[in-house]
Amino acid sequence: MAQTARLDIPQDLLDSARLSLEDLKRELALSLYAQGRLSLGKAREFAGLSLFEFRQVLSFRRIPARYGEEELAEDLETLQDFEGRAA
């Protein structure tokens, strides 16, 4: 099981920013992806979005999609999982 970290965010900060906790997670995921700190798969997972939804948000925000070795490895792993389920 993956470890989790905890961050306390005052509700008044979220209210001032007009963000829900889910919105904040999405914003953080987008920012970390744009900075190259998270892969597409990890960022969309953290944002709680499907790959299609995350790519839509990237397009809307004009954040260029990257496709490197890590994304290729994630895609290959997904394909292997998919093939395993189909068998």
N, C-alpha and C. Protein backbone atom coordinates (compact mmCIF):
# COMPACT_ATOMS: atom_id res chain seq x y z
N MET A 1 0.84 -1.19 0.00
CA MET A 1 0.00 0.00 0.00
C MET A 1 0.88 1.24 0.00
N ALA A 2 0.51 2.22 -0.80
CA ALA A 2 1.28 3.45 -0.92
C ALA A 2 1.11 4.31 0.33
N GLN A 3 2.19 4.95 0.70
CA GLN A 3 2.12 5.87 1.82
C GLN A 3 1.43 7.15 1.37
N THR A 4 0.81 7.83 2.30
CA THR A 4 0.19 9.11 2.00
C THR A 4 0.79 10.17 2.90
N ALA A 5 0.77 11.40 2.40
CA ALA A 5 1.20 12.55 3.18
C ALA A 5 -0.02 13.40 3.45
N ARG A 6 0.02 14.14 4.50
CA ARG A 6 -1.12 14.97 4.87
C ARG A 6 -0.72 16.43 4.84
N LEU A 7 -1.61 17.25 4.30
CA LEU A 7 -1.40 18.69 4.24
C LEU A 7 -2.67 19.35 4.75
N ASP A 8 -2.54 20.14 5.78
CA ASP A 8 -3.70 20.85 6.33
C ASP A 8 -3.86 22.18 5.60
N ILE A 9 -5.02 22.38 5.01
CA ILE A 9 -5.31 23.61 4.28
C ILE A 9 -6.51 24.26 4.96
N PRO A 10 -6.32 25.45 5.47
CA PRO A 10 -7.44 26.12 6.14
C PRO A 10 -8.62 26.32 5.18
N GLN A 11 -9.81 26.04 5.66
CA GLN A 11 -11.01 26.18 4.83
C GLN A 11 -11.16 27.61 4.32
N ASP A 12 -10.77 28.60 5.14
CA ASP A 12 -10.93 29.98 4.69
C ASP A 12 -10.01 30.29 3.50
N LEU A 13 -8.89 29.57 3.39
CA LEU A 13 -8.02 29.73 2.23
C LEU A 13 -8.72 29.20 0.98
N LEU A 14 -9.32 28.01 1.11
CA LEU A 14 -10.07 27.45 -0.02
C LEU A 14 -11.24 28.36 -0.39
N ASP A 15 -11.92 28.87 0.62
CA ASP A 15 -13.05 29.77 0.36
C ASP A 15 -12.58 31.03 -0.34
N SER A 16 -11.47 31.60 0.11
CA SER A 16 -10.94 32.83 -0.50
C SER A 16 -10.55 32.60 -1.96
N ALA A 17 -10.01 31.43 -2.22
CA ALA A 17 -9.60 31.09 -3.58
C ALA A 17 -10.75 30.57 -4.42
N ARG A 18 -11.91 30.39 -3.77
CA ARG A 18 -13.10 29.84 -4.43
C ARG A 18 -12.80 28.48 -5.06
N LEU A 19 -12.15 27.62 -4.26
CA LEU A 19 -11.78 26.29 -4.70
C LEU A 19 -12.30 25.25 -3.72
N SER A 20 -12.73 24.14 -4.26
CA SER A 20 -13.02 22.99 -3.42
C SER A 20 -11.70 22.22 -3.28
N LEU A 21 -11.69 21.24 -2.40
CA LEU A 21 -10.49 20.42 -2.24
C LEU A 21 -10.17 19.68 -3.54
N GLU A 22 -11.20 19.22 -4.24
CA GLU A 22 -11.00 18.52 -5.52
C GLU A 22 -10.42 19.47 -6.56
N ASP A 23 -10.91 20.73 -6.57
CA ASP A 23 -10.36 21.72 -7.50
C ASP A 23 -8.89 21.98 -7.22
N LEU A 24 -8.54 22.07 -5.94
CA LEU A 24 -7.16 22.32 -5.56
C LEU A 24 -6.25 21.17 -5.99
N LYS A 25 -6.72 19.94 -5.81
CA LYS A 25 -5.94 18.78 -6.24
C LYS A 25 -5.73 18.81 -7.76
N ARG A 26 -6.77 19.18 -8.50
CA ARG A 26 -6.65 19.26 -9.96
C ARG A 26 -5.64 20.35 -10.34
N GLU A 27 -5.71 21.50 -9.70
CA GLU A 27 -4.79 22.59 -10.00
C GLU A 27 -3.35 22.19 -9.69
N LEU A 28 -3.15 21.51 -8.58
CA LEU A 28 -1.82 21.06 -8.21
C LEU A 28 -1.31 20.04 -9.22
N ALA A 29 -2.16 19.11 -9.61
CA ALA A 29 -1.77 18.10 -10.59
C ALA A 29 -1.38 18.74 -11.92
N LEU A 30 -2.17 19.71 -12.38
CA LEU A 30 -1.87 20.41 -13.63
C LEU A 30 -0.55 21.17 -13.54
N SER A 31 -0.34 21.83 -12.44
CA SER A 31 0.89 22.59 -12.26
C SER A 31 2.12 21.68 -12.23
N LEU A 32 2.03 20.59 -11.48
CA LEU A 32 3.16 19.67 -11.40
C LEU A 32 3.42 18.99 -12.75
N TYR A 33 2.37 18.70 -13.50
CA TYR A 33 2.55 18.13 -14.83
C TYR A 33 3.22 19.14 -15.76
N ALA A 34 2.73 20.38 -15.73
CA ALA A 34 3.29 21.43 -16.59
C ALA A 34 4.77 21.68 -16.29
N GLN A 35 5.17 21.51 -15.04
CA GLN A 35 6.57 21.69 -14.63
C GLN A 35 7.42 20.46 -14.93
N GLY A 36 6.79 19.38 -15.38
CA GLY A 36 7.52 18.15 -15.66
C GLY A 36 7.84 17.34 -14.42
N ARG A 37 7.16 17.63 -13.33
CA ARG A 37 7.41 16.92 -12.07
C ARG A 37 6.56 15.67 -11.92
N LEU A 38 5.44 15.59 -12.66
CA LEU A 38 4.59 14.41 -12.65
C LEU A 38 4.35 13.95 -14.08
N SER A 39 4.27 12.66 -14.25
CA SER A 39 3.92 12.11 -15.56
C SER A 39 2.43 12.35 -15.81
N LEU A 40 2.03 12.16 -17.03
CA LEU A 40 0.63 12.32 -17.39
C LEU A 40 -0.25 11.38 -16.56
N GLY A 41 0.17 10.12 -16.45
CA GLY A 41 -0.61 9.15 -15.70
C GLY A 41 -0.75 9.50 -14.24
N LYS A 42 0.35 9.87 -13.61
CA LYS A 42 0.30 10.21 -12.18
C LYS A 42 -0.50 11.49 -11.95
N ALA A 43 -0.33 12.47 -12.84
CA ALA A 43 -1.04 13.73 -12.69
C ALA A 43 -2.55 13.54 -12.83
N ARG A 44 -2.96 12.77 -13.84
CA ARG A 44 -4.40 12.58 -14.05
C ARG A 44 -4.99 11.74 -12.92
N GLU A 45 -4.21 10.80 -12.40
CA GLU A 45 -4.66 10.00 -11.27
C GLU A 45 -4.87 10.87 -10.04
N PHE A 46 -3.89 11.74 -9.75
CA PHE A 46 -3.99 12.62 -8.59
C PHE A 46 -5.15 13.60 -8.76
N ALA A 47 -5.38 14.05 -9.99
CA ALA A 47 -6.47 15.00 -10.26
C ALA A 47 -7.83 14.33 -10.18
N GLY A 48 -7.85 12.98 -10.22
CA GLY A 48 -9.12 12.27 -10.18
C GLY A 48 -9.88 12.35 -11.49
N LEU A 49 -9.14 12.45 -12.60
CA LEU A 49 -9.75 12.57 -13.91
C LEU A 49 -9.36 11.38 -14.78
N SER A 50 -10.20 11.09 -15.75
CA SER A 50 -9.83 10.08 -16.74
C SER A 50 -8.76 10.67 -17.64
N LEU A 51 -8.09 9.83 -18.39
CA LEU A 51 -7.07 10.32 -19.32
C LEU A 51 -7.68 11.30 -20.31
N PHE A 52 -8.85 10.97 -20.84
CA PHE A 52 -9.53 11.85 -21.79
C PHE A 52 -9.84 13.21 -21.15
N GLU A 53 -10.38 13.20 -19.93
CA GLU A 53 -10.72 14.45 -19.24
C GLU A 53 -9.47 15.29 -18.97
N PHE A 54 -8.40 14.61 -18.52
CA PHE A 54 -7.17 15.34 -18.20
C PHE A 54 -6.59 15.97 -19.47
N ARG A 55 -6.59 15.23 -20.57
CA ARG A 55 -6.09 15.78 -21.83
C ARG A 55 -6.95 16.96 -22.29
N GLN A 56 -8.25 16.90 -22.06
CA GLN A 56 -9.12 18.03 -22.40
C GLN A 56 -8.74 19.27 -21.61
N VAL A 57 -8.50 19.10 -20.31
CA VAL A 57 -8.12 20.23 -19.47
C VAL A 57 -6.77 20.78 -19.92
N LEU A 58 -5.82 19.90 -20.23
CA LEU A 58 -4.52 20.36 -20.73
C LEU A 58 -4.70 21.20 -21.99
N SER A 59 -5.52 20.74 -22.90
CA SER A 59 -5.77 21.46 -24.14
C SER A 59 -6.41 22.82 -23.87
N PHE A 60 -7.42 22.83 -23.02
CA PHE A 60 -8.12 24.06 -22.68
C PHE A 60 -7.16 25.08 -22.06
N ARG A 61 -6.26 24.60 -21.22
CA ARG A 61 -5.29 25.48 -20.53
C ARG A 61 -4.05 25.77 -21.38
N ARG A 62 -3.99 25.15 -22.55
CA ARG A 62 -2.84 25.31 -23.45
C ARG A 62 -1.53 24.85 -22.81
N ILE A 63 -1.65 23.74 -22.07
CA ILE A 63 -0.47 23.10 -21.47
C ILE A 63 -0.06 21.99 -22.43
N PRO A 64 1.15 22.09 -22.99
CA PRO A 64 1.56 21.07 -23.96
C PRO A 64 1.68 19.69 -23.32
N ALA A 65 1.17 18.71 -24.04
CA ALA A 65 1.28 17.32 -23.58
C ALA A 65 2.68 16.82 -23.90
N ARG A 66 3.26 16.12 -22.97
CA ARG A 66 4.58 15.52 -23.17
C ARG A 66 4.40 14.02 -23.30
N TYR A 67 5.25 13.43 -24.10
CA TYR A 67 5.22 11.98 -24.20
C TYR A 67 6.65 11.49 -24.22
N GLY A 68 7.10 11.03 -23.08
CA GLY A 68 8.47 10.57 -22.94
C GLY A 68 8.52 9.11 -22.55
N GLU A 69 9.68 8.71 -22.07
CA GLU A 69 9.89 7.31 -21.69
C GLU A 69 8.94 6.86 -20.59
N GLU A 70 8.69 7.73 -19.63
CA GLU A 70 7.82 7.35 -18.51
C GLU A 70 6.39 7.12 -19.00
N GLU A 71 5.90 8.00 -19.88
CA GLU A 71 4.56 7.83 -20.42
C GLU A 71 4.47 6.57 -21.27
N LEU A 72 5.53 6.28 -22.04
CA LEU A 72 5.57 5.06 -22.83
C LEU A 72 5.51 3.83 -21.92
N ALA A 73 6.28 3.84 -20.84
CA ALA A 73 6.27 2.72 -19.90
C ALA A 73 4.89 2.53 -19.29
N GLU A 74 4.23 3.63 -18.94
CA GLU A 74 2.87 3.54 -18.37
C GLU A 74 1.90 2.97 -19.40
N ASP A 75 2.03 3.41 -20.66
CA ASP A 75 1.14 2.88 -21.70
C ASP A 75 1.38 1.40 -21.92
N LEU A 76 2.63 0.98 -21.93
CA LEU A 76 2.93 -0.44 -22.11
C LEU A 76 2.38 -1.27 -20.96
N GLU A 77 2.49 -0.74 -19.75
CA GLU A 77 1.94 -1.43 -18.58
C GLU A 77 0.43 -1.54 -18.68
N THR A 78 -0.21 -0.48 -19.13
CA THR A 78 -1.66 -0.49 -19.32
C THR A 78 -2.06 -1.54 -20.35
N LEU A 79 -1.31 -1.60 -21.45
CA LEU A 79 -1.60 -2.59 -22.48
C LEU A 79 -1.46 -4.01 -21.95
N GLN A 80 -0.43 -4.25 -21.16
CA GLN A 80 -0.24 -5.58 -20.58
C GLN A 80 -1.40 -5.94 -19.66
N ASP A 81 -1.85 -4.98 -18.85
CA ASP A 81 -3.00 -5.21 -17.98
C ASP A 81 -4.24 -5.52 -18.81
N PHE A 82 -4.41 -4.77 -19.88
CA PHE A 82 -5.56 -4.94 -20.76
C PHE A 82 -5.55 -6.32 -21.40
N GLU A 83 -4.37 -6.73 -21.88
CA GLU A 83 -4.25 -8.04 -22.51
C GLU A 83 -4.50 -9.15 -21.50
N GLY A 84 -4.06 -8.95 -20.27
CA GLY A 84 -4.27 -9.95 -19.22
C GLY A 84 -5.73 -10.14 -18.90
N ARG A 85 -6.51 -9.06 -18.95
CA ARG A 85 -7.95 -9.14 -18.68
C ARG A 85 -8.70 -9.78 -19.84
N ALA A 86 -8.19 -9.59 -21.05
CA ALA A 86 -8.87 -10.11 -22.24
C ALA A 86 -8.67 -11.62 -22.40
N ALA A 87 -7.62 -12.13 -21.78
CA ALA A 87 -7.30 -13.56 -21.93
C ALA A 87 -8.24 -14.45 -21.15
